[in-house]
Amino acid sequence: MSEVDSKIQEILDKESIRDLVHIYCRAADRHDHDLMRTLYHEDAHDDHGSFFKGKAMEFIDLLPEIQKSMGILHHNVTTHNIHLMGDKAEGETYILAFHQVLADDQRFDVLIGGRYFDEYEKRHGIWKFSSRAVDADWAYVNDPSKVDLTHSMIEGANIGTPNSQDPSYKYLKSFKRGKR
C-alpha cells in the first residue's frame, strides 16, 4: 500500500470510529437499545461505574431499567483522540452529558463533563466497541431541575423525546430506530 493509500485508509478508519461514537450518543439519547446493540462486538466489555460493569450486551439488556428514571439524556462529544493500531484502536473522547433525572415526582439535573476510554476493533470491515469505560471529571447538579420546556422562548418548537416519538424520526426519513 502506498503512503497516500495508507493515509487515506487512516482517515477512513478514524472517520468510521468517530461515526460510531456519534451514533452511540444518538442511541443513548433516544433510548434505542436495538441500535446500541449494533455498536458493540458481542464479546465487548462496558464500565459505566455504579450503573454497570461487565459484558456490554448485558449492560444494554439493563438499559430500559437504568434509563427509566431519565427524563432527558443529551450526550455531546467534543475532543476525540484516536490512536490506530491496524484493526484495533484506542480512543479518548471528551463528553458533556446532560441528564434530567425523575425521582419520586421530582426532577433534578446533572451535567457531567467526562471522558470515554474506548477500545475499538475492526472485524469483517466494521469498527465497533470492544471496550468502553466512562470517566466523570466534574458534575454540576441542580436540585430541583431548572429545565423549563414551557418557556416562551421555545414556544412552538419541536421538543425532543427519548423514544420513537422524537421529532427526528418525523423529519429525517433515513433515521430509523435500530439502524445505523
N, C-alpha and C. Protein backbone atom coordinates (compact mmCIF):
# COMPACT_ATOMS: atom_id res chain seq x y z
N MET A 1 0.86 -1.17 0.00
CA MET A 1 0.00 0.00 0.00
C MET A 1 0.90 1.23 0.00
N SER A 2 0.58 2.18 -0.86
CA SER A 2 1.38 3.40 -0.93
C SER A 2 1.16 4.27 0.30
N GLU A 3 2.03 5.23 0.48
CA GLU A 3 1.89 6.15 1.62
C GLU A 3 0.57 6.92 1.56
N VAL A 4 0.19 7.30 0.35
CA VAL A 4 -1.08 8.03 0.17
C VAL A 4 -2.25 7.12 0.49
N ASP A 5 -2.21 5.89 -0.02
CA ASP A 5 -3.28 4.94 0.27
C ASP A 5 -3.39 4.65 1.77
N SER A 6 -2.23 4.53 2.45
CA SER A 6 -2.22 4.31 3.90
C SER A 6 -2.86 5.48 4.63
N LYS A 7 -2.55 6.70 4.20
CA LYS A 7 -3.11 7.90 4.84
C LYS A 7 -4.62 7.97 4.60
N ILE A 8 -5.05 7.64 3.40
CA ILE A 8 -6.49 7.64 3.10
C ILE A 8 -7.20 6.60 3.96
N GLN A 9 -6.60 5.39 4.10
CA GLN A 9 -7.21 4.37 4.94
C GLN A 9 -7.28 4.83 6.39
N GLU A 10 -6.24 5.50 6.88
CA GLU A 10 -6.24 6.03 8.25
C GLU A 10 -7.38 7.02 8.44
N ILE A 11 -7.57 7.90 7.49
CA ILE A 11 -8.66 8.89 7.56
C ILE A 11 -10.01 8.19 7.56
N LEU A 12 -10.18 7.19 6.69
CA LEU A 12 -11.44 6.45 6.63
C LEU A 12 -11.71 5.71 7.94
N ASP A 13 -10.67 5.08 8.50
CA ASP A 13 -10.85 4.36 9.76
C ASP A 13 -11.21 5.31 10.89
N LYS A 14 -10.51 6.43 10.98
CA LYS A 14 -10.82 7.39 12.06
C LYS A 14 -12.23 7.95 11.90
N GLU A 15 -12.64 8.21 10.69
CA GLU A 15 -14.00 8.73 10.47
C GLU A 15 -15.04 7.68 10.84
N SER A 16 -14.79 6.42 10.55
CA SER A 16 -15.71 5.35 10.93
C SER A 16 -15.83 5.26 12.45
N ILE A 17 -14.71 5.43 13.15
CA ILE A 17 -14.73 5.40 14.61
C ILE A 17 -15.47 6.61 15.16
N ARG A 18 -15.24 7.78 14.60
CA ARG A 18 -15.98 8.98 15.05
C ARG A 18 -17.48 8.78 14.84
N ASP A 19 -17.85 8.22 13.70
CA ASP A 19 -19.26 7.96 13.41
C ASP A 19 -19.84 7.01 14.45
N LEU A 20 -19.10 5.98 14.81
CA LEU A 20 -19.52 5.03 15.84
C LEU A 20 -19.82 5.75 17.15
N VAL A 21 -18.94 6.64 17.56
CA VAL A 21 -19.11 7.37 18.82
C VAL A 21 -20.33 8.30 18.72
N HIS A 22 -20.51 8.94 17.59
CA HIS A 22 -21.67 9.83 17.43
C HIS A 22 -22.98 9.05 17.45
N ILE A 23 -23.00 7.89 16.79
CA ILE A 23 -24.21 7.07 16.79
C ILE A 23 -24.52 6.56 18.20
N TYR A 24 -23.47 6.27 18.97
CA TYR A 24 -23.67 5.86 20.37
C TYR A 24 -24.49 6.94 21.11
N CYS A 25 -24.14 8.20 20.92
CA CYS A 25 -24.85 9.30 21.59
C CYS A 25 -26.32 9.29 21.18
N ARG A 26 -26.59 9.12 19.90
CA ARG A 26 -27.97 9.08 19.43
C ARG A 26 -28.72 7.89 20.06
N ALA A 27 -28.09 6.73 20.05
CA ALA A 27 -28.74 5.54 20.62
C ALA A 27 -29.05 5.75 22.10
N ALA A 28 -28.11 6.34 22.84
CA ALA A 28 -28.33 6.59 24.27
C ALA A 28 -29.46 7.59 24.48
N ASP A 29 -29.42 8.69 23.75
CA ASP A 29 -30.39 9.76 23.96
C ASP A 29 -31.80 9.40 23.51
N ARG A 30 -31.93 8.57 22.50
CA ARG A 30 -33.24 8.16 22.01
C ARG A 30 -33.70 6.85 22.65
N HIS A 31 -32.90 6.32 23.59
CA HIS A 31 -33.20 5.04 24.23
C HIS A 31 -33.42 3.95 23.18
N ASP A 32 -32.61 3.96 22.15
CA ASP A 32 -32.72 3.00 21.05
C ASP A 32 -31.76 1.84 21.34
N HIS A 33 -32.25 0.88 22.08
CA HIS A 33 -31.41 -0.22 22.54
C HIS A 33 -31.02 -1.16 21.41
N ASP A 34 -31.86 -1.30 20.41
CA ASP A 34 -31.50 -2.13 19.25
C ASP A 34 -30.32 -1.51 18.50
N LEU A 35 -30.36 -0.20 18.33
CA LEU A 35 -29.24 0.49 17.69
C LEU A 35 -27.98 0.37 18.55
N MET A 36 -28.12 0.55 19.85
CA MET A 36 -26.97 0.45 20.76
C MET A 36 -26.30 -0.92 20.62
N ARG A 37 -27.10 -1.95 20.49
CA ARG A 37 -26.58 -3.31 20.39
C ARG A 37 -25.68 -3.49 19.15
N THR A 38 -25.96 -2.74 18.06
CA THR A 38 -25.17 -2.87 16.83
C THR A 38 -23.80 -2.21 16.94
N LEU A 39 -23.55 -1.45 17.99
CA LEU A 39 -22.32 -0.67 18.10
C LEU A 39 -21.21 -1.41 18.82
N TYR A 40 -21.54 -2.48 19.52
CA TYR A 40 -20.57 -3.25 20.30
C TYR A 40 -20.36 -4.62 19.67
N HIS A 41 -19.14 -5.13 19.76
CA HIS A 41 -18.91 -6.53 19.43
C HIS A 41 -19.58 -7.38 20.51
N GLU A 42 -19.99 -8.57 20.14
CA GLU A 42 -20.70 -9.47 21.07
C GLU A 42 -19.92 -9.72 22.36
N ASP A 43 -18.59 -9.74 22.29
CA ASP A 43 -17.76 -10.03 23.46
C ASP A 43 -17.22 -8.77 24.13
N ALA A 44 -17.80 -7.62 23.80
CA ALA A 44 -17.32 -6.33 24.33
C ALA A 44 -17.62 -6.18 25.82
N HIS A 45 -16.86 -5.31 26.45
CA HIS A 45 -16.98 -5.01 27.88
C HIS A 45 -17.40 -3.55 28.03
N ASP A 46 -18.19 -3.25 29.06
CA ASP A 46 -18.60 -1.87 29.34
C ASP A 46 -18.47 -1.59 30.84
N ASP A 47 -17.90 -0.44 31.16
CA ASP A 47 -17.74 0.00 32.55
C ASP A 47 -18.41 1.36 32.68
N HIS A 48 -19.63 1.37 33.19
CA HIS A 48 -20.39 2.60 33.43
C HIS A 48 -20.47 2.88 34.94
N GLY A 49 -19.38 2.60 35.62
CA GLY A 49 -19.30 2.91 37.04
C GLY A 49 -20.35 2.17 37.85
N SER A 50 -21.05 2.90 38.72
CA SER A 50 -22.02 2.26 39.62
C SER A 50 -23.24 1.70 38.88
N PHE A 51 -23.47 2.15 37.65
CA PHE A 51 -24.60 1.62 36.88
C PHE A 51 -24.35 0.19 36.42
N PHE A 52 -23.08 -0.08 35.96
CA PHE A 52 -22.81 -1.40 35.41
C PHE A 52 -21.33 -1.55 35.09
N LYS A 53 -20.83 -2.76 35.31
CA LYS A 53 -19.50 -3.18 34.87
C LYS A 53 -19.62 -4.62 34.43
N GLY A 54 -19.32 -4.90 33.16
CA GLY A 54 -19.40 -6.27 32.68
C GLY A 54 -19.54 -6.32 31.17
N LYS A 55 -20.20 -7.38 30.68
CA LYS A 55 -20.38 -7.55 29.24
C LYS A 55 -21.34 -6.48 28.71
N ALA A 56 -20.94 -5.88 27.61
CA ALA A 56 -21.73 -4.77 27.05
C ALA A 56 -23.15 -5.19 26.72
N MET A 57 -23.35 -6.39 26.20
CA MET A 57 -24.70 -6.83 25.84
C MET A 57 -25.59 -6.95 27.08
N GLU A 58 -25.00 -7.32 28.21
CA GLU A 58 -25.76 -7.37 29.46
C GLU A 58 -26.10 -5.95 29.92
N PHE A 59 -25.18 -4.99 29.72
CA PHE A 59 -25.45 -3.59 30.03
C PHE A 59 -26.64 -3.09 29.20
N ILE A 60 -26.63 -3.42 27.92
CA ILE A 60 -27.72 -2.97 27.04
C ILE A 60 -29.04 -3.60 27.47
N ASP A 61 -29.00 -4.86 27.92
CA ASP A 61 -30.21 -5.50 28.44
C ASP A 61 -30.79 -4.74 29.63
N LEU A 62 -29.91 -4.12 30.43
CA LEU A 62 -30.35 -3.39 31.62
C LEU A 62 -30.74 -1.93 31.34
N LEU A 63 -30.42 -1.44 30.15
CA LEU A 63 -30.68 -0.02 29.86
C LEU A 63 -32.14 0.40 30.04
N PRO A 64 -33.13 -0.39 29.64
CA PRO A 64 -34.51 0.08 29.88
C PRO A 64 -34.77 0.42 31.35
N GLU A 65 -34.25 -0.40 32.25
CA GLU A 65 -34.43 -0.14 33.69
C GLU A 65 -33.59 1.06 34.13
N ILE A 66 -32.34 1.13 33.68
CA ILE A 66 -31.45 2.24 34.05
C ILE A 66 -32.02 3.57 33.55
N GLN A 67 -32.51 3.56 32.31
CA GLN A 67 -32.96 4.81 31.68
C GLN A 67 -34.39 5.18 32.06
N LYS A 68 -35.08 4.30 32.77
CA LYS A 68 -36.46 4.58 33.17
C LYS A 68 -36.57 5.91 33.93
N SER A 69 -35.57 6.23 34.73
CA SER A 69 -35.61 7.46 35.52
C SER A 69 -34.99 8.66 34.79
N MET A 70 -34.62 8.49 33.53
CA MET A 70 -34.00 9.58 32.79
C MET A 70 -35.05 10.26 31.92
N GLY A 71 -35.49 11.45 32.33
CA GLY A 71 -36.45 12.21 31.53
C GLY A 71 -35.79 12.77 30.29
N ILE A 72 -34.55 13.22 30.43
CA ILE A 72 -33.78 13.77 29.31
C ILE A 72 -32.37 13.20 29.39
N LEU A 73 -31.87 12.75 28.27
CA LEU A 73 -30.45 12.43 28.10
C LEU A 73 -29.98 13.22 26.89
N HIS A 74 -28.82 13.85 27.02
CA HIS A 74 -28.31 14.66 25.90
C HIS A 74 -26.79 14.59 25.94
N HIS A 75 -26.23 13.70 25.12
CA HIS A 75 -24.78 13.49 25.07
C HIS A 75 -24.16 14.33 23.95
N ASN A 76 -23.06 14.97 24.26
CA ASN A 76 -22.30 15.74 23.28
C ASN A 76 -20.84 15.32 23.37
N VAL A 77 -20.23 15.02 22.23
CA VAL A 77 -18.80 14.70 22.22
C VAL A 77 -18.04 15.92 21.73
N THR A 78 -16.86 16.10 22.31
CA THR A 78 -16.04 17.24 21.92
C THR A 78 -14.71 16.72 21.39
N THR A 79 -13.64 16.85 22.13
CA THR A 79 -12.33 16.39 21.71
C THR A 79 -12.33 14.87 21.61
N HIS A 80 -11.80 14.35 20.51
CA HIS A 80 -11.78 12.91 20.30
C HIS A 80 -10.40 12.53 19.77
N ASN A 81 -9.61 11.92 20.63
CA ASN A 81 -8.27 11.47 20.27
C ASN A 81 -8.32 9.99 19.95
N ILE A 82 -7.82 9.61 18.77
CA ILE A 82 -7.86 8.23 18.31
C ILE A 82 -6.44 7.80 17.95
N HIS A 83 -6.05 6.63 18.44
CA HIS A 83 -4.77 6.04 18.09
C HIS A 83 -5.03 4.71 17.41
N LEU A 84 -4.71 4.63 16.10
CA LEU A 84 -4.92 3.42 15.32
C LEU A 84 -3.75 2.47 15.47
N MET A 85 -4.07 1.17 15.53
CA MET A 85 -3.05 0.11 15.59
C MET A 85 -3.54 -1.03 14.72
N GLY A 86 -3.54 -0.82 13.42
CA GLY A 86 -4.06 -1.82 12.49
C GLY A 86 -5.57 -1.91 12.60
N ASP A 87 -6.07 -3.11 12.88
CA ASP A 87 -7.52 -3.31 13.02
C ASP A 87 -8.00 -3.13 14.46
N LYS A 88 -7.15 -2.54 15.29
CA LYS A 88 -7.52 -2.17 16.65
C LYS A 88 -7.20 -0.69 16.83
N ALA A 89 -7.88 -0.07 17.77
CA ALA A 89 -7.63 1.34 18.04
C ALA A 89 -8.05 1.65 19.47
N GLU A 90 -7.50 2.73 19.98
CA GLU A 90 -7.91 3.26 21.28
C GLU A 90 -8.35 4.70 21.09
N GLY A 91 -9.29 5.12 21.93
CA GLY A 91 -9.77 6.48 21.83
C GLY A 91 -10.12 7.06 23.19
N GLU A 92 -9.85 8.35 23.32
CA GLU A 92 -10.27 9.12 24.49
C GLU A 92 -11.20 10.20 23.95
N THR A 93 -12.46 10.14 24.37
CA THR A 93 -13.48 11.06 23.88
C THR A 93 -13.99 11.90 25.04
N TYR A 94 -13.85 13.21 24.92
CA TYR A 94 -14.41 14.11 25.93
C TYR A 94 -15.90 14.26 25.68
N ILE A 95 -16.67 14.28 26.78
CA ILE A 95 -18.12 14.38 26.64
C ILE A 95 -18.69 15.42 27.61
N LEU A 96 -19.80 15.98 27.20
CA LEU A 96 -20.69 16.75 28.07
C LEU A 96 -22.03 16.02 27.98
N ALA A 97 -22.49 15.51 29.09
CA ALA A 97 -23.72 14.73 29.09
C ALA A 97 -24.70 15.33 30.11
N PHE A 98 -25.86 15.73 29.61
CA PHE A 98 -26.91 16.28 30.47
C PHE A 98 -27.91 15.18 30.76
N HIS A 99 -28.29 15.06 32.02
CA HIS A 99 -29.30 14.09 32.46
C HIS A 99 -30.34 14.83 33.29
N GLN A 100 -31.60 14.68 32.94
CA GLN A 100 -32.66 15.11 33.84
C GLN A 100 -33.21 13.83 34.46
N VAL A 101 -33.07 13.74 35.76
CA VAL A 101 -33.44 12.53 36.48
C VAL A 101 -34.80 12.73 37.14
N LEU A 102 -35.68 11.74 36.96
CA LEU A 102 -37.01 11.76 37.56
C LEU A 102 -36.97 10.86 38.79
N ALA A 103 -37.26 11.44 39.94
CA ALA A 103 -37.20 10.67 41.19
C ALA A 103 -38.31 11.11 42.12
N ASP A 104 -39.20 10.17 42.47
CA ASP A 104 -40.26 10.45 43.44
C ASP A 104 -41.02 11.75 43.13
N ASP A 105 -41.54 11.86 41.92
CA ASP A 105 -42.32 13.02 41.48
C ASP A 105 -41.52 14.32 41.51
N GLN A 106 -40.22 14.24 41.59
CA GLN A 106 -39.36 15.42 41.48
C GLN A 106 -38.37 15.18 40.37
N ARG A 107 -37.77 16.27 39.92
CA ARG A 107 -36.76 16.19 38.87
C ARG A 107 -35.53 16.93 39.32
N PHE A 108 -34.37 16.38 38.96
CA PHE A 108 -33.14 17.12 39.17
C PHE A 108 -32.24 16.94 37.95
N ASP A 109 -31.33 17.89 37.75
CA ASP A 109 -30.47 17.94 36.58
C ASP A 109 -29.04 17.59 36.97
N VAL A 110 -28.39 16.83 36.12
CA VAL A 110 -26.97 16.53 36.30
C VAL A 110 -26.28 16.77 34.96
N LEU A 111 -25.34 17.70 34.96
CA LEU A 111 -24.50 17.95 33.79
C LEU A 111 -23.12 17.40 34.12
N ILE A 112 -22.67 16.45 33.33
CA ILE A 112 -21.40 15.78 33.60
C ILE A 112 -20.40 16.11 32.50
N GLY A 113 -19.22 16.50 32.89
CA GLY A 113 -18.09 16.62 31.98
C GLY A 113 -17.19 15.43 32.24
N GLY A 114 -16.95 14.65 31.23
CA GLY A 114 -16.15 13.46 31.44
C GLY A 114 -15.53 12.97 30.16
N ARG A 115 -15.11 11.73 30.20
CA ARG A 115 -14.46 11.12 29.03
C ARG A 115 -14.86 9.66 28.92
N TYR A 116 -14.83 9.16 27.70
CA TYR A 116 -14.93 7.74 27.43
C TYR A 116 -13.53 7.25 27.08
N PHE A 117 -13.15 6.13 27.66
CA PHE A 117 -11.91 5.46 27.31
C PHE A 117 -12.31 4.21 26.53
N ASP A 118 -12.08 4.24 25.24
CA ASP A 118 -12.59 3.20 24.35
C ASP A 118 -11.48 2.37 23.73
N GLU A 119 -11.82 1.12 23.49
CA GLU A 119 -11.05 0.25 22.62
C GLU A 119 -12.00 -0.14 21.50
N TYR A 120 -11.50 -0.05 20.27
CA TYR A 120 -12.30 -0.37 19.09
C TYR A 120 -11.60 -1.50 18.34
N GLU A 121 -12.39 -2.29 17.66
CA GLU A 121 -11.83 -3.32 16.78
C GLU A 121 -12.61 -3.32 15.48
N LYS A 122 -11.87 -3.50 14.40
CA LYS A 122 -12.45 -3.61 13.07
C LYS A 122 -12.51 -5.10 12.74
N ARG A 123 -13.73 -5.63 12.71
CA ARG A 123 -13.94 -7.03 12.36
C ARG A 123 -14.86 -7.09 11.15
N HIS A 124 -14.49 -7.90 10.19
CA HIS A 124 -15.28 -8.02 8.96
C HIS A 124 -15.50 -6.65 8.33
N GLY A 125 -14.50 -5.76 8.46
CA GLY A 125 -14.54 -4.44 7.84
C GLY A 125 -15.35 -3.39 8.59
N ILE A 126 -15.84 -3.72 9.79
CA ILE A 126 -16.69 -2.78 10.54
C ILE A 126 -16.08 -2.50 11.91
N TRP A 127 -15.94 -1.21 12.23
CA TRP A 127 -15.43 -0.79 13.54
C TRP A 127 -16.57 -0.82 14.55
N LYS A 128 -16.30 -1.43 15.71
CA LYS A 128 -17.24 -1.43 16.83
C LYS A 128 -16.45 -1.32 18.13
N PHE A 129 -17.17 -1.04 19.20
CA PHE A 129 -16.54 -1.00 20.52
C PHE A 129 -16.18 -2.43 20.95
N SER A 130 -14.97 -2.60 21.46
CA SER A 130 -14.62 -3.84 22.13
C SER A 130 -14.56 -3.61 23.64
N SER A 131 -14.40 -2.34 24.03
CA SER A 131 -14.41 -1.98 25.45
C SER A 131 -14.71 -0.49 25.57
N ARG A 132 -15.49 -0.14 26.59
CA ARG A 132 -15.79 1.26 26.87
C ARG A 132 -15.83 1.45 28.37
N ALA A 133 -15.13 2.48 28.85
CA ALA A 133 -15.17 2.87 30.26
C ALA A 133 -15.50 4.35 30.33
N VAL A 134 -16.31 4.72 31.30
CA VAL A 134 -16.75 6.11 31.47
C VAL A 134 -16.02 6.74 32.65
N ASP A 135 -15.63 7.99 32.46
CA ASP A 135 -14.94 8.78 33.48
C ASP A 135 -15.75 10.05 33.70
N ALA A 136 -15.90 10.48 34.94
CA ALA A 136 -16.51 11.77 35.26
C ALA A 136 -15.41 12.68 35.80
N ASP A 137 -15.17 13.77 35.10
CA ASP A 137 -14.18 14.75 35.55
C ASP A 137 -14.81 15.82 36.44
N TRP A 138 -16.09 16.10 36.19
CA TRP A 138 -16.81 17.05 37.02
C TRP A 138 -18.31 16.84 36.81
N ALA A 139 -19.10 17.35 37.74
CA ALA A 139 -20.56 17.27 37.64
C ALA A 139 -21.17 18.54 38.24
N TYR A 140 -22.22 19.00 37.61
CA TYR A 140 -22.97 20.16 38.09
C TYR A 140 -24.41 19.70 38.28
N VAL A 141 -24.94 19.89 39.49
CA VAL A 141 -26.27 19.38 39.83
C VAL A 141 -27.20 20.53 40.19
N ASN A 142 -28.41 20.50 39.63
CA ASN A 142 -29.50 21.39 40.03
C ASN A 142 -30.61 20.53 40.62
N ASP A 143 -30.92 20.78 41.89
CA ASP A 143 -31.97 20.03 42.55
C ASP A 143 -32.82 21.03 43.32
N PRO A 144 -34.00 21.37 42.81
CA PRO A 144 -34.75 20.73 41.74
C PRO A 144 -34.27 21.19 40.35
N SER A 145 -34.80 20.54 39.33
CA SER A 145 -34.45 20.80 37.94
C SER A 145 -34.73 22.26 37.56
N LYS A 146 -33.87 22.79 36.72
CA LYS A 146 -34.07 24.14 36.18
C LYS A 146 -34.58 24.11 34.74
N VAL A 147 -34.78 22.91 34.18
CA VAL A 147 -35.27 22.78 32.81
C VAL A 147 -36.72 23.26 32.74
N ASP A 148 -37.00 24.12 31.74
CA ASP A 148 -38.35 24.64 31.55
C ASP A 148 -38.70 24.54 30.07
N LEU A 149 -39.38 23.47 29.70
CA LEU A 149 -39.75 23.27 28.29
C LEU A 149 -41.04 24.00 27.92
N THR A 150 -41.55 24.81 28.84
CA THR A 150 -42.74 25.61 28.54
C THR A 150 -42.41 27.09 28.38
N HIS A 151 -41.14 27.43 28.50
CA HIS A 151 -40.73 28.84 28.41
C HIS A 151 -41.10 29.42 27.04
N SER A 152 -41.48 30.68 27.03
CA SER A 152 -41.92 31.33 25.79
C SER A 152 -40.86 31.35 24.70
N MET A 153 -39.60 31.26 25.06
CA MET A 153 -38.52 31.27 24.05
C MET A 153 -38.55 30.02 23.16
N ILE A 154 -39.14 28.94 23.63
CA ILE A 154 -39.20 27.73 22.80
C ILE A 154 -40.63 27.38 22.40
N GLU A 155 -41.54 28.29 22.63
CA GLU A 155 -42.93 28.04 22.27
C GLU A 155 -43.03 27.69 20.78
N GLY A 156 -43.71 26.61 20.49
CA GLY A 156 -43.89 26.17 19.11
C GLY A 156 -42.75 25.33 18.56
N ALA A 157 -41.67 25.19 19.34
CA ALA A 157 -40.53 24.38 18.87
C ALA A 157 -40.83 22.90 19.05
N ASN A 158 -40.18 22.08 18.25
CA ASN A 158 -40.23 20.63 18.47
C ASN A 158 -39.51 20.35 19.78
N ILE A 159 -40.02 19.41 20.53
CA ILE A 159 -39.40 19.03 21.80
C ILE A 159 -38.93 17.57 21.66
N GLY A 160 -37.65 17.34 21.91
CA GLY A 160 -37.09 16.01 21.80
C GLY A 160 -37.64 15.08 22.86
N THR A 161 -37.71 13.80 22.50
CA THR A 161 -38.16 12.77 23.44
C THR A 161 -37.20 11.58 23.36
N PRO A 162 -37.07 10.81 24.46
CA PRO A 162 -36.16 9.67 24.46
C PRO A 162 -36.82 8.39 23.96
N ASN A 163 -37.55 8.49 22.84
CA ASN A 163 -38.28 7.32 22.35
C ASN A 163 -38.58 7.47 20.86
N SER A 164 -39.43 6.62 20.34
CA SER A 164 -39.75 6.63 18.91
C SER A 164 -40.59 7.83 18.49
N GLN A 165 -41.06 8.62 19.44
CA GLN A 165 -41.83 9.82 19.12
C GLN A 165 -40.95 11.06 18.91
N ASP A 166 -39.63 10.89 19.03
CA ASP A 166 -38.72 12.01 18.84
C ASP A 166 -38.93 12.62 17.46
N PRO A 167 -38.92 13.96 17.35
CA PRO A 167 -39.16 14.62 16.06
C PRO A 167 -38.17 14.23 14.96
N SER A 168 -37.00 13.75 15.32
CA SER A 168 -36.03 13.37 14.28
C SER A 168 -36.58 12.28 13.37
N TYR A 169 -37.40 11.38 13.91
CA TYR A 169 -37.95 10.31 13.09
C TYR A 169 -38.99 10.84 12.10
N LYS A 170 -39.60 11.94 12.42
CA LYS A 170 -40.56 12.57 11.52
C LYS A 170 -39.84 13.33 10.41
N TYR A 171 -38.80 14.07 10.76
CA TYR A 171 -38.14 14.94 9.80
C TYR A 171 -37.02 14.27 9.00
N LEU A 172 -36.39 13.26 9.57
CA LEU A 172 -35.25 12.60 8.93
C LEU A 172 -35.66 11.18 8.55
N LYS A 173 -36.14 11.02 7.36
CA LYS A 173 -36.71 9.73 6.92
C LYS A 173 -35.68 8.61 6.90
N SER A 174 -34.39 8.92 6.75
CA SER A 174 -33.37 7.86 6.70
C SER A 174 -32.93 7.44 8.10
N PHE A 175 -33.38 8.13 9.16
CA PHE A 175 -33.03 7.76 10.52
C PHE A 175 -34.09 6.81 11.06
N LYS A 176 -33.74 5.55 11.13
CA LYS A 176 -34.68 4.52 11.57
C LYS A 176 -34.22 3.95 12.91
N ARG A 177 -35.15 3.65 13.77
CA ARG A 177 -34.79 3.02 15.06
C ARG A 177 -34.12 1.69 14.81
N GLY A 178 -33.07 1.44 15.58
CA GLY A 178 -32.37 0.18 15.49
C GLY A 178 -31.40 0.06 14.32
N LYS A 179 -31.26 1.10 13.51
CA LYS A 179 -30.42 1.04 12.30
C LYS A 179 -29.34 2.10 12.38
N ARG A 180 -28.16 1.75 11.86
CA ARG A 180 -27.05 2.69 11.79
C ARG A 180 -27.20 3.62 10.63
